[in-house]
PDB file of all heavy atoms in Angstrom:
ATOM      1  N   PRO A   1       8.757   0.582   2.929  1.00  0.00           N
ATOM      2  CA  PRO A   1       9.889   1.286   2.307  1.00  0.00           C
ATOM      3  C   PRO A   1      11.259   0.688   2.626  1.00  0.00           C
ATOM      4  O   PRO A   1      12.204   0.903   1.854  1.00  0.00           O
ATOM      5  CB  PRO A   1       9.762   2.706   2.875  1.00  0.00           C
ATOM      6  CG  PRO A   1       8.304   2.852   3.170  1.00  0.00           C
ATOM      7  CD  PRO A   1       7.874   1.505   3.663  1.00  0.00           C
ATOM      8  N   TYR A   2      11.385  -0.050   3.728  1.00  0.00           N
ATOM      9  CA  TYR A   2      12.694  -0.620   4.053  1.00  0.00           C
ATOM     10  C   TYR A   2      13.151  -1.605   2.982  1.00  0.00           C
ATOM     11  O   TYR A   2      14.355  -1.817   2.793  1.00  0.00           O
ATOM     12  CB  TYR A   2      12.664  -1.298   5.427  1.00  0.00           C
ATOM     13  CG  TYR A   2      12.106  -2.697   5.431  1.00  0.00           C
ATOM     14  CD1 TYR A   2      12.954  -3.808   5.340  1.00  0.00           C
ATOM     15  CD2 TYR A   2      10.739  -2.922   5.535  1.00  0.00           C
ATOM     16  CE1 TYR A   2      12.438  -5.100   5.343  1.00  0.00           C
ATOM     17  CE2 TYR A   2      10.228  -4.210   5.545  1.00  0.00           C
ATOM     18  CZ  TYR A   2      11.079  -5.287   5.450  1.00  0.00           C
ATOM     19  OH  TYR A   2      10.569  -6.566   5.453  1.00  0.00           O
ATOM     20  N   LYS A   3      12.203  -2.219   2.268  1.00  0.00           N
ATOM     21  CA  LYS A   3      12.568  -3.215   1.266  1.00  0.00           C
ATOM     22  C   LYS A   3      13.244  -2.585   0.050  1.00  0.00           C
ATOM     23  O   LYS A   3      14.129  -3.185  -0.564  1.00  0.00           O
ATOM     24  CB  LYS A   3      11.324  -3.990   0.816  1.00  0.00           C
ATOM     25  CG  LYS A   3      10.778  -4.937   1.869  1.00  0.00           C
ATOM     26  CD  LYS A   3       9.634  -5.763   1.307  1.00  0.00           C
ATOM     27  CE  LYS A   3       9.165  -6.805   2.314  1.00  0.00           C
ATOM     28  NZ  LYS A   3       8.060  -7.636   1.766  1.00  0.00           N
ATOM     29  N   LYS A   4      12.803  -1.380  -0.299  1.00  0.00           N
ATOM     30  CA  LYS A   4      13.353  -0.693  -1.474  1.00  0.00           C
ATOM     31  C   LYS A   4      13.179   0.804  -1.250  1.00  0.00           C
ATOM     32  O   LYS A   4      12.218   1.417  -1.722  1.00  0.00           O
ATOM     33  CB  LYS A   4      12.633  -1.159  -2.744  1.00  0.00           C
ATOM     34  CG  LYS A   4      13.328  -0.782  -4.031  1.00  0.00           C
ATOM     35  CD  LYS A   4      12.613  -1.404  -5.233  1.00  0.00           C
ATOM     36  CE  LYS A   4      13.334  -1.049  -6.522  1.00  0.00           C
ATOM     37  NZ  LYS A   4      12.650  -1.629  -7.713  1.00  0.00           N
ATOM     38  N   PRO A   5      14.107   1.436  -0.524  1.00  0.00           N
ATOM     39  CA  PRO A   5      13.928   2.836  -0.099  1.00  0.00           C
ATOM     40  C   PRO A   5      13.738   3.819  -1.244  1.00  0.00           C
ATOM     41  O   PRO A   5      13.102   4.859  -1.062  1.00  0.00           O
ATOM     42  CB  PRO A   5      15.225   3.135   0.671  1.00  0.00           C
ATOM     43  CG  PRO A   5      15.735   1.800   1.095  1.00  0.00           C
ATOM     44  CD  PRO A   5      15.346   0.849   0.016  1.00  0.00           C
ATOM     45  N   GLU A   6      14.266   3.518  -2.428  1.00  0.00           N
ATOM     46  CA  GLU A   6      14.164   4.470  -3.539  1.00  0.00           C
ATOM     47  C   GLU A   6      12.812   4.416  -4.240  1.00  0.00           C
ATOM     48  O   GLU A   6      12.495   5.265  -5.076  1.00  0.00           O
ATOM     49  CB  GLU A   6      15.278   4.209  -4.560  1.00  0.00           C
ATOM     50  CG  GLU A   6      15.165   2.901  -5.332  1.00  0.00           C
ATOM     51  CD  GLU A   6      15.730   1.692  -4.594  1.00  0.00           C
ATOM     52  OE1 GLU A   6      16.051   1.834  -3.396  1.00  0.00           O
ATOM     53  OE2 GLU A   6      15.848   0.623  -5.219  1.00  0.00           O
ATOM     54  N   ALA A   7      11.973   3.422  -3.918  1.00  0.00           N
ATOM     55  CA  ALA A   7      10.681   3.266  -4.600  1.00  0.00           C
ATOM     56  C   ALA A   7       9.643   4.238  -4.038  1.00  0.00           C
ATOM     57  O   ALA A   7       9.763   4.734  -2.908  1.00  0.00           O
ATOM     58  CB  ALA A   7      10.184   1.831  -4.447  1.00  0.00           C
ATOM     59  N   ASP A   8       8.611   4.496  -4.827  1.00  0.00           N
ATOM     60  CA  ASP A   8       7.508   5.361  -4.417  1.00  0.00           C
ATOM     61  C   ASP A   8       6.434   4.485  -3.785  1.00  0.00           C
ATOM     62  O   ASP A   8       5.469   4.082  -4.437  1.00  0.00           O
ATOM     63  CB  ASP A   8       6.953   6.120  -5.620  1.00  0.00           C
ATOM     64  CG  ASP A   8       5.945   7.196  -5.227  1.00  0.00           C
ATOM     65  OD1 ASP A   8       5.445   7.150  -4.077  1.00  0.00           O
ATOM     66  OD2 ASP A   8       5.647   8.065  -6.056  1.00  0.00           O
ATOM     67  N   TRP A   9       6.598   4.187  -2.510  1.00  0.00           N
ATOM     68  CA  TRP A   9       5.691   3.278  -1.819  1.00  0.00           C
ATOM     69  C   TRP A   9       4.322   3.904  -1.569  1.00  0.00           C
ATOM     70  O   TRP A   9       3.317   3.197  -1.510  1.00  0.00           O
ATOM     71  CB  TRP A   9       6.311   2.810  -0.506  1.00  0.00           C
ATOM     72  CG  TRP A   9       7.337   1.752  -0.727  1.00  0.00           C
ATOM     73  CD1 TRP A   9       8.667   1.924  -0.975  1.00  0.00           C
ATOM     74  CD2 TRP A   9       7.104   0.339  -0.777  1.00  0.00           C
ATOM     75  NE1 TRP A   9       9.283   0.713  -1.167  1.00  0.00           N
ATOM     76  CE2 TRP A   9       8.351  -0.273  -1.043  1.00  0.00           C
ATOM     77  CE3 TRP A   9       5.977  -0.460  -0.602  1.00  0.00           C
ATOM     78  CZ2 TRP A   9       8.491  -1.663  -1.147  1.00  0.00           C
ATOM     79  CZ3 TRP A   9       6.108  -1.837  -0.703  1.00  0.00           C
ATOM     80  CH2 TRP A   9       7.352  -2.428  -0.981  1.00  0.00           C
ATOM     81  N   SER A  10       4.277   5.223  -1.407  1.00  0.00           N
ATOM     82  CA  SER A  10       2.976   5.862  -1.191  1.00  0.00           C
ATOM     83  C   SER A  10       2.097   5.714  -2.433  1.00  0.00           C
ATOM     84  O   SER A  10       0.891   5.432  -2.330  1.00  0.00           O
ATOM     85  CB  SER A  10       3.157   7.345  -0.833  1.00  0.00           C
ATOM     86  OG  SER A  10       3.792   8.048  -1.879  1.00  0.00           O
ATOM     87  N   ARG A  11       2.694   5.850  -3.598  1.00  0.00           N
ATOM     88  CA  ARG A  11       1.935   5.688  -4.837  1.00  0.00           C
ATOM     89  C   ARG A  11       1.486   4.237  -5.022  1.00  0.00           C
ATOM     90  O   ARG A  11       0.338   3.980  -5.405  1.00  0.00           O
ATOM     91  CB  ARG A  11       2.799   6.132  -6.025  1.00  0.00           C
ATOM     92  CG  ARG A  11       2.095   6.049  -7.374  1.00  0.00           C
ATOM     93  CD  ARG A  11       3.002   6.577  -8.469  1.00  0.00           C
ATOM     94  NE  ARG A  11       2.366   6.492  -9.777  1.00  0.00           N
ATOM     95  CZ  ARG A  11       2.933   6.876 -10.903  1.00  0.00           C
ATOM     96  NH1 ARG A  11       4.158   7.404 -10.888  1.00  0.00           N
ATOM     97  NH2 ARG A  11       2.298   6.766 -12.050  1.00  0.00           N
ATOM     98  N   LYS A  12       2.394   3.302  -4.767  1.00  0.00           N
ATOM     99  CA  LYS A  12       2.068   1.880  -4.901  1.00  0.00           C
ATOM    100  C   LYS A  12       0.930   1.491  -3.949  1.00  0.00           C
ATOM    101  O   LYS A  12      -0.034   0.820  -4.338  1.00  0.00           O
ATOM    102  CB  LYS A  12       3.312   1.042  -4.606  1.00  0.00           C
ATOM    103  CG  LYS A  12       3.093  -0.464  -4.619  1.00  0.00           C
ATOM    104  CD  LYS A  12       4.396  -1.179  -4.288  1.00  0.00           C
ATOM    105  CE  LYS A  12       4.193  -2.688  -4.256  1.00  0.00           C
ATOM    106  NZ  LYS A  12       3.302  -3.113  -3.167  1.00  0.00           N
ATOM    107  N   ALA A  13       1.043   1.922  -2.696  1.00  0.00           N
ATOM    108  CA  ALA A  13       0.017   1.581  -1.711  1.00  0.00           C
ATOM    109  C   ALA A  13      -1.320   2.230  -2.057  1.00  0.00           C
ATOM    110  O   ALA A  13      -2.378   1.620  -1.876  1.00  0.00           O
ATOM    111  CB  ALA A  13       0.472   2.006  -0.313  1.00  0.00           C
ATOM    112  N   LEU A  14      -1.273   3.455  -2.562  1.00  0.00           N
ATOM    113  CA  LEU A  14      -2.513   4.138  -2.926  1.00  0.00           C
ATOM    114  C   LEU A  14      -3.258   3.369  -4.023  1.00  0.00           C
ATOM    115  O   LEU A  14      -4.494   3.257  -3.990  1.00  0.00           O
ATOM    116  CB  LEU A  14      -2.208   5.565  -3.388  1.00  0.00           C
ATOM    117  CG  LEU A  14      -3.427   6.459  -3.576  1.00  0.00           C
ATOM    118  CD1 LEU A  14      -4.081   6.767  -2.243  1.00  0.00           C
ATOM    119  CD2 LEU A  14      -3.024   7.758  -4.281  1.00  0.00           C
ATOM    120  N   ALA A  15      -2.521   2.827  -4.974  1.00  0.00           N
ATOM    121  CA  ALA A  15      -3.149   2.031  -6.035  1.00  0.00           C
ATOM    122  C   ALA A  15      -3.815   0.782  -5.459  1.00  0.00           C
ATOM    123  O   ALA A  15      -4.900   0.376  -5.901  1.00  0.00           O
ATOM    124  CB  ALA A  15      -2.108   1.642  -7.080  1.00  0.00           C
ATOM    125  N   GLU A  16      -3.195   0.187  -4.452  1.00  0.00           N
ATOM    126  CA  GLU A  16      -3.772  -1.008  -3.824  1.00  0.00           C
ATOM    127  C   GLU A  16      -4.998  -0.657  -2.985  1.00  0.00           C
ATOM    128  O   GLU A  16      -5.957  -1.433  -2.917  1.00  0.00           O
ATOM    129  CB  GLU A  16      -2.708  -1.718  -2.985  1.00  0.00           C
ATOM    130  CG  GLU A  16      -1.610  -2.334  -3.832  1.00  0.00           C
ATOM    131  CD  GLU A  16      -0.433  -2.846  -3.032  1.00  0.00           C
ATOM    132  OE1 GLU A  16      -0.221  -2.371  -1.890  1.00  0.00           O
ATOM    133  OE2 GLU A  16       0.292  -3.720  -3.545  1.00  0.00           O
ATOM    134  N   VAL A  17      -4.984   0.516  -2.343  1.00  0.00           N
ATOM    135  CA  VAL A  17      -6.167   0.993  -1.618  1.00  0.00           C
ATOM    136  C   VAL A  17      -7.321   1.180  -2.605  1.00  0.00           C
ATOM    137  O   VAL A  17      -8.458   0.765  -2.349  1.00  0.00           O
ATOM    138  CB  VAL A  17      -5.869   2.311  -0.876  1.00  0.00           C
ATOM    139  CG1 VAL A  17      -7.155   2.908  -0.305  1.00  0.00           C
ATOM    140  CG2 VAL A  17      -4.856   2.086   0.236  1.00  0.00           C
ATOM    141  N   ARG A  18      -7.026   1.798  -3.733  1.00  0.00           N
ATOM    142  CA  ARG A  18      -8.048   2.030  -4.755  1.00  0.00           C
ATOM    143  C   ARG A  18      -8.653   0.703  -5.233  1.00  0.00           C
ATOM    144  O   ARG A  18      -9.871   0.578  -5.361  1.00  0.00           O
ATOM    145  CB  ARG A  18      -7.450   2.790  -5.935  1.00  0.00           C
ATOM    146  CG  ARG A  18      -8.427   3.063  -7.085  1.00  0.00           C
ATOM    147  CD  ARG A  18      -7.754   3.896  -8.172  1.00  0.00           C
ATOM    148  NE  ARG A  18      -8.654   4.131  -9.283  1.00  0.00           N
ATOM    149  CZ  ARG A  18      -8.816   3.289 -10.315  1.00  0.00           C
ATOM    150  NH1 ARG A  18      -8.107   2.168 -10.368  1.00  0.00           N
ATOM    151  NH2 ARG A  18      -9.662   3.573 -11.287  1.00  0.00           N
ATOM    152  N   GLU A  19      -7.803  -0.276  -5.468  1.00  0.00           N
ATOM    153  CA  GLU A  19      -8.301  -1.580  -5.929  1.00  0.00           C
ATOM    154  C   GLU A  19      -9.209  -2.215  -4.880  1.00  0.00           C
ATOM    155  O   GLU A  19     -10.269  -2.757  -5.203  1.00  0.00           O
ATOM    156  CB  GLU A  19      -7.128  -2.514  -6.233  1.00  0.00           C
ATOM    157  CG  GLU A  19      -7.564  -3.895  -6.711  1.00  0.00           C
ATOM    158  CD  GLU A  19      -6.391  -4.810  -6.994  1.00  0.00           C
ATOM    159  OE1 GLU A  19      -5.223  -4.367  -6.884  1.00  0.00           O
ATOM    160  OE2 GLU A  19      -6.632  -5.988  -7.312  1.00  0.00           O
ATOM    161  N   ALA A  20      -8.807  -2.143  -3.598  1.00  0.00           N
ATOM    162  CA  ALA A  20      -9.621  -2.703  -2.527  1.00  0.00           C
ATOM    163  C   ALA A  20     -10.992  -2.035  -2.469  1.00  0.00           C
ATOM    164  O   ALA A  20     -12.028  -2.710  -2.356  1.00  0.00           O
ATOM    165  CB  ALA A  20      -8.902  -2.560  -1.183  1.00  0.00           C
ATOM    166  N   PHE A  21     -11.022  -0.710  -2.573  1.00  0.00           N
ATOM    167  CA  PHE A  21     -12.290   0.010  -2.491  1.00  0.00           C
ATOM    168  C   PHE A  21     -13.180  -0.273  -3.704  1.00  0.00           C
ATOM    169  O   PHE A  21     -14.393  -0.359  -3.576  1.00  0.00           O
ATOM    170  CB  PHE A  21     -12.032   1.505  -2.338  1.00  0.00           C
ATOM    171  CG  PHE A  21     -11.512   1.913  -0.982  1.00  0.00           C
ATOM    172  CD1 PHE A  21     -11.048   3.198  -0.751  1.00  0.00           C
ATOM    173  CD2 PHE A  21     -11.481   1.018   0.078  1.00  0.00           C
ATOM    174  CE1 PHE A  21     -10.586   3.581   0.507  1.00  0.00           C
ATOM    175  CE2 PHE A  21     -11.008   1.381   1.328  1.00  0.00           C
ATOM    176  CZ  PHE A  21     -10.561   2.666   1.540  1.00  0.00           C
ATOM    177  N   LEU A  22     -12.552  -0.433  -4.871  1.00  0.00           N
ATOM    178  CA  LEU A  22     -13.329  -0.778  -6.057  1.00  0.00           C
ATOM    179  C   LEU A  22     -14.017  -2.137  -5.889  1.00  0.00           C
ATOM    180  O   LEU A  22     -15.123  -2.357  -6.387  1.00  0.00           O
ATOM    181  CB  LEU A  22     -12.440  -0.795  -7.303  1.00  0.00           C
ATOM    182  CG  LEU A  22     -12.036   0.568  -7.875  1.00  0.00           C
ATOM    183  CD1 LEU A  22     -11.011   0.395  -8.987  1.00  0.00           C
ATOM    184  CD2 LEU A  22     -13.264   1.324  -8.398  1.00  0.00           C
ATOM    185  N   LEU A  23     -13.371  -3.035  -5.174  1.00  0.00           N
ATOM    186  CA  LEU A  23     -13.926  -4.364  -4.919  1.00  0.00           C
ATOM    187  C   LEU A  23     -14.812  -4.376  -3.667  1.00  0.00           C
ATOM    188  O   LEU A  23     -15.251  -5.449  -3.234  1.00  0.00           O
ATOM    189  CB  LEU A  23     -12.795  -5.381  -4.774  1.00  0.00           C
ATOM    190  CG  LEU A  23     -11.948  -5.610  -6.034  1.00  0.00           C
ATOM    191  CD1 LEU A  23     -10.742  -6.497  -5.720  1.00  0.00           C
ATOM    192  CD2 LEU A  23     -12.789  -6.228  -7.146  1.00  0.00           C
ATOM    193  N   ARG A  24     -15.026  -3.193  -3.088  1.00  0.00           N
ATOM    194  CA  ARG A  24     -15.863  -3.033  -1.888  1.00  0.00           C
ATOM    195  C   ARG A  24     -15.329  -3.868  -0.725  1.00  0.00           C
ATOM    196  O   ARG A  24     -16.065  -4.573  -0.028  1.00  0.00           O
ATOM    197  CB  ARG A  24     -17.330  -3.387  -2.195  1.00  0.00           C
ATOM    198  CG  ARG A  24     -17.939  -2.505  -3.289  1.00  0.00           C
ATOM    199  CD  ARG A  24     -19.405  -2.790  -3.527  1.00  0.00           C
ATOM    200  NE  ARG A  24     -20.209  -2.485  -2.344  1.00  0.00           N
ATOM    201  CZ  ARG A  24     -20.597  -1.271  -1.991  1.00  0.00           C
ATOM    202  NH1 ARG A  24     -20.251  -0.218  -2.725  1.00  0.00           N
ATOM    203  NH2 ARG A  24     -21.341  -1.086  -0.922  1.00  0.00           N
ATOM    204  N   ARG A  25     -14.028  -3.777  -0.547  1.00  0.00           N
ATOM    205  CA  ARG A  25     -13.356  -4.469   0.550  1.00  0.00           C
ATOM    206  C   ARG A  25     -12.581  -3.463   1.384  1.00  0.00           C
ATOM    207  O   ARG A  25     -12.166  -2.415   0.883  1.00  0.00           O
ATOM    208  CB  ARG A  25     -12.392  -5.535   0.001  1.00  0.00           C
ATOM    209  CG  ARG A  25     -13.107  -6.683  -0.693  1.00  0.00           C
ATOM    210  CD  ARG A  25     -12.126  -7.621  -1.345  1.00  0.00           C
ATOM    211  NE  ARG A  25     -12.820  -8.704  -2.046  1.00  0.00           N
ATOM    212  CZ  ARG A  25     -12.253  -9.482  -2.946  1.00  0.00           C
ATOM    213  NH1 ARG A  25     -10.992  -9.298  -3.276  1.00  0.00           N
ATOM    214  NH2 ARG A  25     -12.955 -10.447  -3.537  1.00  0.00           N
ATOM    215  N   PRO A  26     -12.361  -3.749   2.647  1.00  0.00           N
ATOM    216  CA  PRO A  26     -11.517  -2.860   3.449  1.00  0.00           C
ATOM    217  C   PRO A  26     -10.079  -2.900   2.937  1.00  0.00           C
ATOM    218  O   PRO A  26      -9.593  -3.950   2.498  1.00  0.00           O
ATOM    219  CB  PRO A  26     -11.620  -3.442   4.862  1.00  0.00           C
ATOM    220  CG  PRO A  26     -11.980  -4.883   4.653  1.00  0.00           C
ATOM    221  CD  PRO A  26     -12.835  -4.920   3.420  1.00  0.00           C
ATOM    222  N   ALA A  27      -9.421  -1.774   2.985  1.00  0.00           N
ATOM    223  CA  ALA A  27      -7.998  -1.706   2.640  1.00  0.00           C
ATOM    224  C   ALA A  27      -7.207  -1.908   3.927  1.00  0.00           C
ATOM    225  O   ALA A  27      -7.222  -1.056   4.811  1.00  0.00           O
ATOM    226  CB  ALA A  27      -7.677  -0.356   2.003  1.00  0.00           C
ATOM    227  N   VAL A  28      -6.542  -3.043   4.026  1.00  0.00           N
ATOM    228  CA  VAL A  28      -5.780  -3.386   5.231  1.00  0.00           C
ATOM    229  C   VAL A  28      -4.302  -3.204   4.912  1.00  0.00           C
ATOM    230  O   VAL A  28      -3.710  -3.971   4.160  1.00  0.00           O
ATOM    231  CB  VAL A  28      -6.068  -4.832   5.675  1.00  0.00           C
ATOM    232  CG1 VAL A  28      -5.295  -5.152   6.955  1.00  0.00           C
ATOM    233  CG2 VAL A  28      -7.567  -5.033   5.895  1.00  0.00           C
ATOM    234  N   ILE A  29      -3.714  -2.160   5.491  1.00  0.00           N
ATOM    235  CA  ILE A  29      -2.343  -1.775   5.158  1.00  0.00           C
ATOM    236  C   ILE A  29      -1.360  -2.528   6.047  1.00  0.00           C
ATOM    237  O   ILE A  29      -1.451  -2.475   7.274  1.00  0.00           O
ATOM    238  CB  ILE A  29      -2.150  -0.264   5.324  1.00  0.00           C
ATOM    239  CG1 ILE A  29      -3.126   0.500   4.412  1.00  0.00           C
ATOM    240  CG2 ILE A  29      -0.706   0.134   5.009  1.00  0.00           C
ATOM    241  CD1 ILE A  29      -3.105   2.002   4.610  1.00  0.00           C
ATOM    242  N   CYS A  30      -0.431  -3.201   5.420  1.00  0.00           N
ATOM    243  CA  CYS A  30       0.620  -3.932   6.131  1.00  0.00           C
ATOM    244  C   CYS A  30       1.898  -3.094   6.126  1.00  0.00           C
ATOM    245  O   CYS A  30       2.381  -2.676   5.071  1.00  0.00           O
ATOM    246  CB  CYS A  30       0.860  -5.280   5.444  1.00  0.00           C
ATOM    247  SG  CYS A  30       2.248  -6.213   6.133  1.00  0.00           S
ATOM    248  N   SER A  31       2.432  -2.847   7.315  1.00  0.00           N
ATOM    249  CA  SER A  31       3.706  -2.148   7.441  1.00  0.00           C
ATOM    250  C   SER A  31       4.384  -2.647   8.702  1.00  0.00           C
ATOM    251  O   SER A  31       3.718  -2.981   9.688  1.00  0.00           O
ATOM    252  CB  SER A  31       3.489  -0.631   7.514  1.00  0.00           C
ATOM    253  OG  SER A  31       4.713   0.059   7.384  1.00  0.00           O
ATOM    254  N   HIS A  32       5.694  -2.700   8.694  1.00  0.00           N
ATOM    255  CA  HIS A  32       6.431  -3.251   9.829  1.00  0.00           C
ATOM    256  C   HIS A  32       7.225  -2.178  10.568  1.00  0.00           C
ATOM    257  O   HIS A  32       7.585  -1.142  10.002  1.00  0.00           O
ATOM    258  CB  HIS A  32       7.369  -4.372   9.362  1.00  0.00           C
ATOM    259  CG  HIS A  32       6.663  -5.654   9.069  1.00  0.00           C
ATOM    260  ND1 HIS A  32       5.938  -5.862   7.916  1.00  0.00           N
ATOM    261  CD2 HIS A  32       6.545  -6.796   9.806  1.00  0.00           C
ATOM    262  CE1 HIS A  32       5.416  -7.083   7.936  1.00  0.00           C
ATOM    263  NE2 HIS A  32       5.769  -7.664   9.073  1.00  0.00           N
ATOM    264  N   ARG A  33       7.513  -2.472  11.812  1.00  0.00           N
ATOM    265  CA  ARG A  33       8.218  -1.547  12.692  1.00  0.00           C
ATOM    266  C   ARG A  33       9.540  -1.079  12.091  1.00  0.00           C
ATOM    267  O   ARG A  33       9.955   0.074  12.277  1.00  0.00           O
ATOM    268  CB  ARG A  33       8.456  -2.235  14.040  1.00  0.00           C
ATOM    269  CG  ARG A  33       9.244  -1.418  15.052  1.00  0.00           C
ATOM    270  CD  ARG A  33       9.450  -2.241  16.329  1.00  0.00           C
ATOM    271  NE  ARG A  33      10.188  -1.499  17.336  1.00  0.00           N
ATOM    272  CZ  ARG A  33      11.508  -1.476  17.415  1.00  0.00           C
ATOM    273  NH1 ARG A  33      12.245  -2.133  16.536  1.00  0.00           N
ATOM    274  NH2 ARG A  33      12.110  -0.778  18.366  1.00  0.00           N
ATOM    275  N   ILE A  34      10.206  -1.974  11.353  1.00  0.00           N
ATOM    276  CA  ILE A  34      11.524  -1.639  10.809  1.00  0.00           C
ATOM    277  C   ILE A  34      11.469  -0.403   9.921  1.00  0.00           C
ATOM    278  O   ILE A  34      12.456   0.323   9.776  1.00  0.00           O
ATOM    279  CB  ILE A  34      12.091  -2.847  10.024  1.00  0.00           C
ATOM    280  CG1 ILE A  34      13.554  -2.615   9.649  1.00  0.00           C
ATOM    281  CG2 ILE A  34      11.256  -3.154   8.783  1.00  0.00           C
ATOM    282  CD1 ILE A  34      14.230  -3.819   9.031  1.00  0.00           C
TER     283      ILE A  34
END
């Protein structure tokens, strides 16, 4: 969220989790301390 605070990052990340699971891969979430 630090990159673009006004964006809906939870929705964006959820879509990427869904894609990972559809491909039968672990969803590895990248987030930084900032």
